Amino acid sequence: MRGCRAWLRRAWDAPGHERNTALLVGKSALAATLAWWLAQDVLHAASPAFAPFSAVLIMNATIYQSVWQALRYTAAVTVGVAVQAAVGFVAGPDLIAFVLVAVIALTIGRWPALGEQRSQVATAAFFAFSTYAAASGTGERVIELGQIVLLVLVGCGVGLLVNLTIAPPLRYRGAEHGLQVLAAEIESLLDDMADGLCTGDVDAERAKQWRAAGESAQRAVGQARAGLATAENSLPFNPRRLLPAHRRYLTFGRYQQSVDALERAVYQLGSLTRSLGRWRETENTYTYAPTLRAYADFASSLRDIAHIMASLEADSLTEQAEEMCHLATLSQDALQNVLTAAHDDSLPLSDASRPYGVLVVEATRLMEEFQNTCDVLKTTADE
């Protein structure tokens, strides 16, 4: 009960997953109720459950997806009923006819164009067969089969109408949140790397922790892309996007380019941590402490940029982008210090058995991706 109250409090207090879930449940319940009333009390259908089932099935987090689900579901049910009608009126309601219906419907159900609604072809065909077998005459059978398609259309129509008119979801914040989470993962990894490199703590256990953090950042890339896709899909057919309050948030090119750049940065950090994992405590041939300290400063400078991205807000993007570009200039200086230290200490950059060359190469690539992200956000801040 305590957990339930906490969940309800979060749903009430602030927008987020809990509120979105509660809203979707409420809208689904309303759509199902309206669809049942129309099917039962207005149309007096023999199988009214088809309508509320359809209304709930196509209810989605975005109107765009709801429309696509409605079209695919209606097509799948229509095809299933048509298969039953074609076979039933030729072979009758016996076992052989059911076998033919099952084989044909399941075969059509493999059609990729129907997406995740493919299984509904066979489901509709089986329900249609049951309705067909229970009917007493040809005329009644035609009416009952047609009524199934009608109820599906009623349910889908009610579901779309409810989703469109009651708080239609506009998830543009999802793109922003996904980028924030990804940047926070990168910030945490860079912070720990800066600490380890500064103190010389680059043992196998620390490198293992960095690799685990890199894998977590890679998962965050997928989450960021999912949030971006949801944000983009929430725009088509959504009337709220026409309101002046939302117009400035309806472009996602900056987030797409930023996620692309940070994904490449994550891969480069992975290469970097793998190289550090090969570090040896007996590395006494060369003096590398100054280079490590310079590298720690460089990692810290990138961490500061990631810290701002982890709290990115569209309303204050102009100021944040300017600050990030200023920090990127400092990071460029820090990178130059790394290159200078590596040159002054005559580190074996071309020795593949040692991590120095990879460290320098990945530092340069990381800087390119962070600089690219800063430039993109600054250029698009006023769009």
Protein backbone atom coordinates (compact mmCIF):
# COMPACT_ATOMS: atom_id res chain seq x y z
CA MET A 1 0.00 0.00 0.00
CA ARG A 2 2.86 2.37 0.76
CA GLY A 3 4.36 1.75 -2.66
CA CYS A 4 0.98 2.26 -4.32
CA ARG A 5 0.47 5.59 -2.55
CA ALA A 6 3.96 6.72 -3.54
CA TRP A 7 3.25 5.80 -7.17
CA LEU A 8 -0.02 7.75 -7.14
CA ARG A 9 1.71 10.73 -5.53
CA ARG A 10 4.34 10.80 -8.28
CA ALA A 11 1.62 10.58 -10.92
CA TRP A 12 -0.23 13.49 -9.33
CA ASP A 13 2.72 15.75 -8.53
CA ALA A 14 4.76 15.80 -11.72
CA PRO A 15 4.72 14.69 -15.36
CA GLY A 16 6.56 11.47 -16.06
CA HIS A 17 6.11 7.75 -16.58
CA GLU A 18 3.59 7.36 -13.75
CA ARG A 19 1.33 10.15 -14.97
CA ASN A 20 1.55 8.93 -18.57
CA THR A 21 0.60 5.41 -17.46
CA ALA A 22 -2.34 6.63 -15.37
CA LEU A 23 -3.56 8.80 -18.25
CA LEU A 24 -3.33 5.94 -20.73
CA VAL A 25 -5.22 3.60 -18.38
CA GLY A 26 -7.94 6.19 -17.83
CA LYS A 27 -8.34 6.92 -21.52
CA SER A 28 -8.41 3.20 -22.34
CA ALA A 29 -11.13 2.60 -19.74
CA LEU A 30 -13.21 5.48 -21.09
CA ALA A 31 -12.80 4.33 -24.69
CA ALA A 32 -13.73 0.75 -23.76
CA THR A 33 -16.82 1.93 -21.88
CA LEU A 34 -18.04 4.11 -24.75
CA ALA A 35 -17.38 1.32 -27.27
CA TRP A 36 -19.30 -1.20 -25.15
CA TRP A 37 -22.24 1.18 -24.80
CA LEU A 38 -22.41 1.74 -28.53
CA ALA A 39 -22.11 -1.97 -29.32
CA GLN A 40 -24.48 -3.21 -26.61
CA ASP A 41 -27.13 -0.52 -26.23
CA VAL A 42 -27.10 1.24 -29.61
CA LEU A 43 -26.22 -1.48 -32.12
CA HIS A 44 -27.54 -4.40 -30.01
CA ALA A 45 -24.68 -6.52 -31.31
CA ALA A 46 -24.55 -10.25 -30.60
CA SER A 47 -20.83 -10.04 -29.71
CA PRO A 48 -20.36 -6.51 -28.32
CA ALA A 49 -16.99 -7.31 -26.73
CA PHE A 50 -15.27 -6.81 -30.08
CA ALA A 51 -15.78 -3.04 -29.82
CA PRO A 52 -14.15 -2.36 -26.40
CA PHE A 53 -11.41 -4.86 -27.15
CA SER A 54 -10.58 -2.97 -30.34
CA ALA A 55 -10.70 0.41 -28.57
CA VAL A 56 -8.18 -0.70 -25.96
CA LEU A 57 -5.96 -2.55 -28.43
CA ILE A 58 -5.25 0.48 -30.59
CA MET A 59 -4.81 2.93 -27.69
CA ASN A 60 -1.17 3.98 -27.86
CA ALA A 61 1.22 6.48 -26.33
CA THR A 62 1.11 8.52 -29.55
CA ILE A 63 -1.74 9.29 -31.93
CA TYR A 64 0.48 8.40 -34.89
CA GLN A 65 0.97 4.88 -33.56
CA SER A 66 -2.72 4.62 -32.66
CA VAL A 67 -3.68 5.41 -36.25
CA TRP A 68 -1.26 2.85 -37.63
CA GLN A 69 -2.41 0.20 -35.14
CA ALA A 70 -6.05 0.91 -36.00
CA LEU A 71 -5.42 0.56 -39.73
CA ARG A 72 -3.42 -2.64 -39.34
CA TYR A 73 -5.82 -4.16 -36.83
CA THR A 74 -8.85 -3.36 -38.98
CA ALA A 75 -7.10 -4.82 -42.03
CA ALA A 76 -6.12 -7.97 -40.11
CA VAL A 77 -9.67 -8.53 -38.81
CA THR A 78 -11.22 -7.84 -42.21
CA VAL A 79 -8.87 -10.31 -43.89
CA GLY A 80 -9.58 -12.94 -41.21
CA VAL A 81 -13.35 -12.54 -41.58
CA ALA A 82 -13.05 -12.59 -45.38
CA VAL A 83 -11.09 -15.86 -45.24
CA GLN A 84 -13.78 -17.43 -43.07
CA ALA A 85 -16.54 -16.13 -45.34
CA ALA A 86 -14.86 -17.43 -48.49
CA VAL A 87 -14.18 -20.88 -47.05
CA GLY A 88 -17.35 -21.14 -44.99
CA PHE A 89 -19.79 -20.40 -47.77
CA VAL A 90 -18.03 -22.97 -49.96
CA ALA A 91 -17.19 -25.77 -47.54
CA GLY A 92 -19.67 -25.15 -44.71
CA PRO A 93 -19.06 -25.06 -40.92
CA ASP A 94 -17.41 -28.45 -40.55
CA LEU A 95 -13.95 -29.56 -39.37
CA ILE A 96 -12.40 -29.62 -42.84
CA ALA A 97 -13.48 -26.01 -43.36
CA PHE A 98 -11.89 -25.04 -40.04
CA VAL A 99 -8.61 -26.64 -41.09
CA LEU A 100 -8.63 -24.65 -44.33
CA VAL A 101 -9.48 -21.44 -42.48
CA ALA A 102 -6.66 -22.02 -39.98
CA VAL A 103 -4.05 -22.78 -42.65
CA ILE A 104 -4.98 -19.79 -44.83
CA ALA A 105 -5.34 -17.33 -41.95
CA LEU A 106 -2.07 -18.38 -40.30
CA THR A 107 -0.29 -18.11 -43.64
CA ILE A 108 -1.62 -14.60 -44.27
CA GLY A 109 -0.70 -13.81 -40.67
CA ARG A 110 2.96 -14.03 -41.68
CA TRP A 111 2.53 -10.92 -43.85
CA PRO A 112 4.98 -8.29 -42.51
CA ALA A 113 2.81 -5.37 -43.70
CA LEU A 114 0.37 -6.02 -40.84
CA GLY A 115 3.13 -5.51 -38.29
CA GLU A 116 2.39 -6.65 -34.75
CA GLN A 117 -1.29 -7.12 -35.65
CA ARG A 118 -0.51 -10.11 -37.87
CA SER A 119 -1.73 -12.59 -35.28
CA GLN A 120 -5.16 -10.94 -35.36
CA VAL A 121 -5.85 -12.46 -38.79
CA ALA A 122 -6.10 -15.95 -37.33
CA THR A 123 -7.85 -14.70 -34.18
CA ALA A 124 -10.53 -12.93 -36.21
CA ALA A 125 -10.92 -15.93 -38.51
CA PHE A 126 -11.48 -18.28 -35.55
CA PHE A 127 -14.03 -15.96 -33.93
CA ALA A 128 -15.73 -15.56 -37.28
CA PHE A 129 -15.86 -19.34 -37.72
CA SER A 130 -17.51 -19.69 -34.30
CA THR A 131 -20.06 -17.00 -35.17
CA TYR A 132 -20.65 -18.54 -38.58
CA ALA A 133 -21.20 -22.01 -37.13
CA ALA A 134 -23.67 -20.70 -34.54
CA ALA A 135 -25.80 -18.81 -37.07
CA SER A 136 -28.85 -20.61 -38.47
CA GLY A 137 -29.03 -19.35 -42.03
CA THR A 138 -27.09 -17.72 -44.83
CA GLY A 139 -28.59 -14.28 -44.27
CA GLU A 140 -27.89 -14.37 -40.55
CA ARG A 141 -24.33 -15.53 -41.19
CA VAL A 142 -23.63 -12.63 -43.54
CA ILE A 143 -25.01 -10.17 -41.00
CA GLU A 144 -23.01 -11.65 -38.11
CA LEU A 145 -19.74 -11.65 -40.06
CA GLY A 146 -20.30 -8.10 -41.24
CA GLN A 147 -21.11 -7.07 -37.68
CA ILE A 148 -17.67 -8.21 -36.51
CA VAL A 149 -15.99 -5.81 -38.92
CA LEU A 150 -18.45 -3.06 -37.94
CA LEU A 151 -17.70 -3.50 -34.23
CA VAL A 152 -13.98 -3.33 -34.90
CA LEU A 153 -14.48 -0.10 -36.81
CA VAL A 154 -16.59 1.30 -33.98
CA GLY A 155 -14.00 0.34 -31.36
CA CYS A 156 -11.08 1.73 -33.34
CA GLY A 157 -12.99 4.92 -34.07
CA VAL A 158 -13.88 5.46 -30.42
CA GLY A 159 -10.32 4.72 -29.32
CA LEU A 160 -8.86 7.20 -31.81
CA LEU A 161 -11.42 9.85 -30.90
CA VAL A 162 -10.69 9.55 -27.16
CA ASN A 163 -6.94 9.58 -27.71
CA LEU A 164 -7.24 12.59 -29.99
CA THR A 165 -9.54 14.73 -27.86
CA ILE A 166 -8.46 13.98 -24.28
CA ALA A 167 -4.91 15.16 -23.51
CA PRO A 168 -3.41 13.93 -26.80
CA PRO A 169 0.14 12.87 -25.93
CA LEU A 170 2.86 15.24 -27.08
CA ARG A 171 6.11 13.64 -25.97
CA TYR A 172 8.69 16.16 -27.16
CA ARG A 173 10.26 16.07 -23.71
CA GLY A 174 11.17 12.43 -24.35
CA ALA A 175 13.93 13.43 -26.76
CA GLU A 176 15.34 15.89 -24.25
CA HIS A 177 15.16 13.38 -21.39
CA GLY A 178 16.89 10.65 -23.39
CA LEU A 179 19.79 12.96 -24.15
CA GLN A 180 19.99 13.99 -20.49
CA VAL A 181 20.22 10.37 -19.31
CA LEU A 182 22.87 9.52 -21.88
CA ALA A 183 24.94 12.58 -20.96
CA ALA A 184 24.63 11.72 -17.26
CA GLU A 185 26.04 8.23 -17.92
CA ILE A 186 28.96 9.72 -19.86
CA GLU A 187 29.54 12.32 -17.14
CA SER A 188 29.75 9.63 -14.46
CA LEU A 189 32.26 7.60 -16.49
CA LEU A 190 34.44 10.62 -17.29
CA ASP A 191 34.40 11.74 -13.66
CA ASP A 192 35.61 8.35 -12.43
CA MET A 193 38.22 8.16 -15.20
CA ALA A 194 39.53 11.61 -14.32
CA ASP A 195 39.88 10.59 -10.68
CA GLY A 196 41.64 7.31 -11.52
CA LEU A 197 44.03 8.86 -14.04
CA CYS A 198 44.89 11.76 -11.72
CA THR A 199 45.79 9.45 -8.84
CA GLY A 200 47.39 6.78 -11.03
CA ASP A 201 44.76 4.26 -9.95
CA VAL A 202 44.47 2.37 -13.21
CA ASP A 203 44.50 -1.20 -11.98
CA ALA A 204 42.49 -4.06 -13.46
CA GLU A 205 39.58 -3.64 -11.04
CA ARG A 206 39.19 0.06 -11.80
CA ALA A 207 39.36 -0.61 -15.54
CA LYS A 208 36.66 -3.27 -15.12
CA GLN A 209 34.40 -0.69 -13.46
CA TRP A 210 34.99 1.68 -16.37
CA ARG A 211 34.07 -1.00 -18.89
CA ALA A 212 30.84 -1.69 -16.97
CA ALA A 213 30.06 2.03 -16.96
CA GLY A 214 30.70 2.14 -20.70
CA GLU A 215 28.21 -0.69 -21.24
CA SER A 216 25.65 1.22 -19.18
CA ALA A 217 26.24 4.27 -21.37
CA GLN A 218 25.72 2.12 -24.46
CA ARG A 219 22.33 1.01 -23.13
CA ALA A 220 21.48 4.65 -22.52
CA VAL A 221 22.10 5.28 -26.24
CA GLY A 222 19.27 2.88 -27.07
CA GLN A 223 17.01 4.56 -24.55
CA ALA A 224 17.82 7.98 -25.99
CA ARG A 225 16.95 6.81 -29.50
CA ALA A 226 13.69 5.30 -28.25
CA GLY A 227 12.78 8.57 -26.55
CA LEU A 228 13.60 10.46 -29.73
CA ALA A 229 11.44 8.14 -31.84
CA THR A 230 8.53 8.53 -29.41
CA ALA A 231 8.87 12.31 -29.50
CA GLU A 232 8.84 12.36 -33.31
CA ASN A 233 5.88 9.97 -33.50
CA SER A 234 3.83 12.09 -31.10
CA LEU A 235 3.61 14.98 -33.61
CA PRO A 236 1.63 13.66 -36.63
CA PHE A 237 -2.18 14.13 -36.32
CA ASN A 238 -1.74 15.80 -32.91
CA PRO A 239 -3.72 19.06 -32.64
CA ARG A 240 -1.67 20.27 -29.66
CA ARG A 241 1.35 20.84 -31.90
CA LEU A 242 -0.54 23.79 -33.43
CA LEU A 243 -0.71 25.65 -30.13
CA PRO A 244 1.77 28.55 -29.82
CA ALA A 245 3.09 27.21 -26.51
CA HIS A 246 4.39 24.05 -28.20
CA ARG A 247 5.62 25.26 -31.58
CA ARG A 248 9.20 25.98 -30.51
CA TYR A 249 9.69 22.42 -29.23
CA LEU A 250 8.65 20.51 -32.34
CA THR A 251 12.00 20.06 -34.08
CA PHE A 252 14.31 17.26 -33.04
CA GLY A 253 17.26 17.59 -35.42
CA ARG A 254 19.49 18.94 -32.65
CA TYR A 255 18.74 15.95 -30.45
CA GLN A 256 19.27 13.47 -33.28
CA GLN A 257 22.67 14.91 -34.14
CA SER A 258 23.66 15.13 -30.47
CA VAL A 259 22.71 11.51 -29.79
CA ASP A 260 24.65 10.43 -32.90
CA ALA A 261 27.75 12.27 -31.71
CA LEU A 262 27.47 10.99 -28.15
CA GLU A 263 26.98 7.43 -29.41
CA ARG A 264 30.28 7.69 -31.25
CA ALA A 265 31.83 9.14 -28.09
CA VAL A 266 30.57 6.14 -26.12
CA TYR A 267 32.26 3.76 -28.56
CA GLN A 268 35.48 5.73 -28.26
CA LEU A 269 35.28 5.65 -24.48
CA GLY A 270 34.83 1.89 -24.75
CA SER A 271 38.02 1.62 -26.82
CA LEU A 272 39.75 3.83 -24.30
CA THR A 273 38.72 1.76 -21.29
CA ARG A 274 39.75 -1.46 -23.02
CA SER A 275 43.21 0.01 -23.64
CA LEU A 276 43.49 1.09 -20.03
CA GLY A 277 42.47 -2.41 -19.01
CA ARG A 278 45.72 -3.66 -20.58
CA TRP A 279 47.76 -1.32 -18.42
CA ARG A 280 50.50 -2.99 -16.39
CA GLU A 281 51.65 -2.06 -12.92
CA THR A 282 55.20 -2.80 -14.05
CA GLU A 283 55.07 0.02 -16.60
CA ASN A 284 58.48 1.39 -15.61
CA THR A 285 60.15 1.82 -18.97
CA TYR A 286 58.70 5.23 -19.65
CA THR A 287 57.66 8.18 -17.54
CA TYR A 288 53.95 8.50 -18.07
CA ALA A 289 52.71 10.27 -14.90
CA PRO A 290 52.61 13.78 -16.49
CA THR A 291 50.65 12.46 -19.43
CA LEU A 292 48.16 10.75 -17.13
CA ARG A 293 47.64 13.95 -15.18
CA ALA A 294 47.10 15.88 -18.41
CA TYR A 295 44.69 13.21 -19.55
CA ALA A 296 42.83 13.47 -16.23
CA ASP A 297 42.43 17.23 -16.78
CA PHE A 298 41.15 16.56 -20.29
CA ALA A 299 38.61 14.01 -19.00
CA SER A 300 37.50 16.52 -16.36
CA SER A 301 36.92 19.18 -19.00
CA LEU A 302 34.75 16.81 -21.05
CA ARG A 303 32.91 15.84 -17.87
CA ASP A 304 31.95 19.49 -17.35
CA ILE A 305 30.41 19.61 -20.83
CA ALA A 306 28.52 16.37 -20.20
CA HIS A 307 27.29 17.79 -16.90
CA ILE A 308 25.53 20.63 -18.70
CA MET A 309 24.03 18.26 -21.26
CA ALA A 310 22.71 16.12 -18.41
CA SER A 311 20.56 19.07 -17.33
CA LEU A 312 19.71 20.36 -20.80
CA GLU A 313 16.48 22.38 -20.99
CA ALA A 314 14.92 23.70 -24.19
CA ASP A 315 13.87 26.89 -22.40
CA SER A 316 17.46 27.77 -21.50
CA LEU A 317 19.25 26.10 -24.39
CA THR A 318 20.83 29.30 -25.73
CA GLU A 319 22.66 30.03 -22.49
CA GLN A 320 23.62 26.41 -21.95
CA ALA A 321 24.94 26.05 -25.51
CA GLU A 322 27.12 29.12 -25.10
CA GLU A 323 28.54 27.78 -21.85
CA MET A 324 29.22 24.40 -23.45
CA CYS A 325 31.08 26.04 -26.35
CA HIS A 326 33.19 27.97 -23.84
CA LEU A 327 34.00 24.73 -22.02
CA ALA A 328 34.81 23.08 -25.36
CA THR A 329 37.49 25.73 -25.89
CA LEU A 330 39.00 24.81 -22.53
CA SER A 331 38.83 21.13 -23.52
CA GLN A 332 40.74 21.89 -26.72
CA ASP A 333 43.48 23.44 -24.58
CA ALA A 334 43.46 20.41 -22.29
CA LEU A 335 43.79 18.12 -25.31
CA GLN A 336 46.77 20.11 -26.51
CA ASN A 337 48.35 19.64 -23.08
CA VAL A 338 47.93 15.87 -23.47
CA LEU A 339 49.65 15.91 -26.85
CA THR A 340 52.44 18.12 -25.51
CA ALA A 341 53.00 15.87 -22.48
CA ALA A 342 53.10 12.77 -24.66
CA HIS A 343 55.68 14.43 -26.94
CA ASP A 344 57.81 15.80 -24.10
CA ASP A 345 57.93 12.44 -22.34
CA SER A 346 58.73 10.59 -25.60
CA LEU A 347 55.93 8.10 -25.04
CA PRO A 348 55.87 5.15 -27.49
CA LEU A 349 52.74 6.14 -29.39
CA SER A 350 53.45 3.68 -32.19
CA ASP A 351 53.92 0.69 -29.86
CA ALA A 352 50.73 -1.39 -30.25
CA SER A 353 51.47 -3.32 -27.04
CA ARG A 354 51.15 -0.16 -24.98
CA PRO A 355 48.02 2.01 -24.57
CA TYR A 356 49.60 5.41 -25.25
CA GLY A 357 48.80 5.62 -28.93
CA VAL A 358 45.17 4.65 -28.40
CA LEU A 359 44.88 7.17 -25.57
CA VAL A 360 45.99 10.01 -27.80
CA VAL A 361 43.90 8.95 -30.81
CA GLU A 362 40.74 8.48 -28.78
CA ALA A 363 41.27 11.77 -26.98
CA THR A 364 41.31 13.55 -30.34
CA ARG A 365 38.18 11.75 -31.52
CA LEU A 366 36.36 12.40 -28.26
CA MET A 367 37.11 16.07 -28.57
CA GLU A 368 35.74 16.12 -32.12
CA GLU A 369 32.44 14.56 -31.03
CA PHE A 370 32.00 16.83 -28.02
CA GLN A 371 32.87 19.89 -30.12
CA ASN A 372 30.40 18.77 -32.77
CA THR A 373 27.66 18.39 -30.14
CA CYS A 374 28.35 21.85 -28.73
CA ASP A 375 28.30 23.42 -32.18
CA VAL A 376 25.03 21.71 -33.13
CA LEU A 377 23.28 22.83 -29.96
CA LYS A 378 24.54 26.41 -30.31
CA THR A 379 23.56 26.62 -33.99
CA THR A 380 20.03 25.30 -33.39
CA ALA A 381 19.40 26.95 -30.01
CA ASP A 382 17.24 29.71 -31.49
CA GLU A 383 15.26 27.58 -33.92
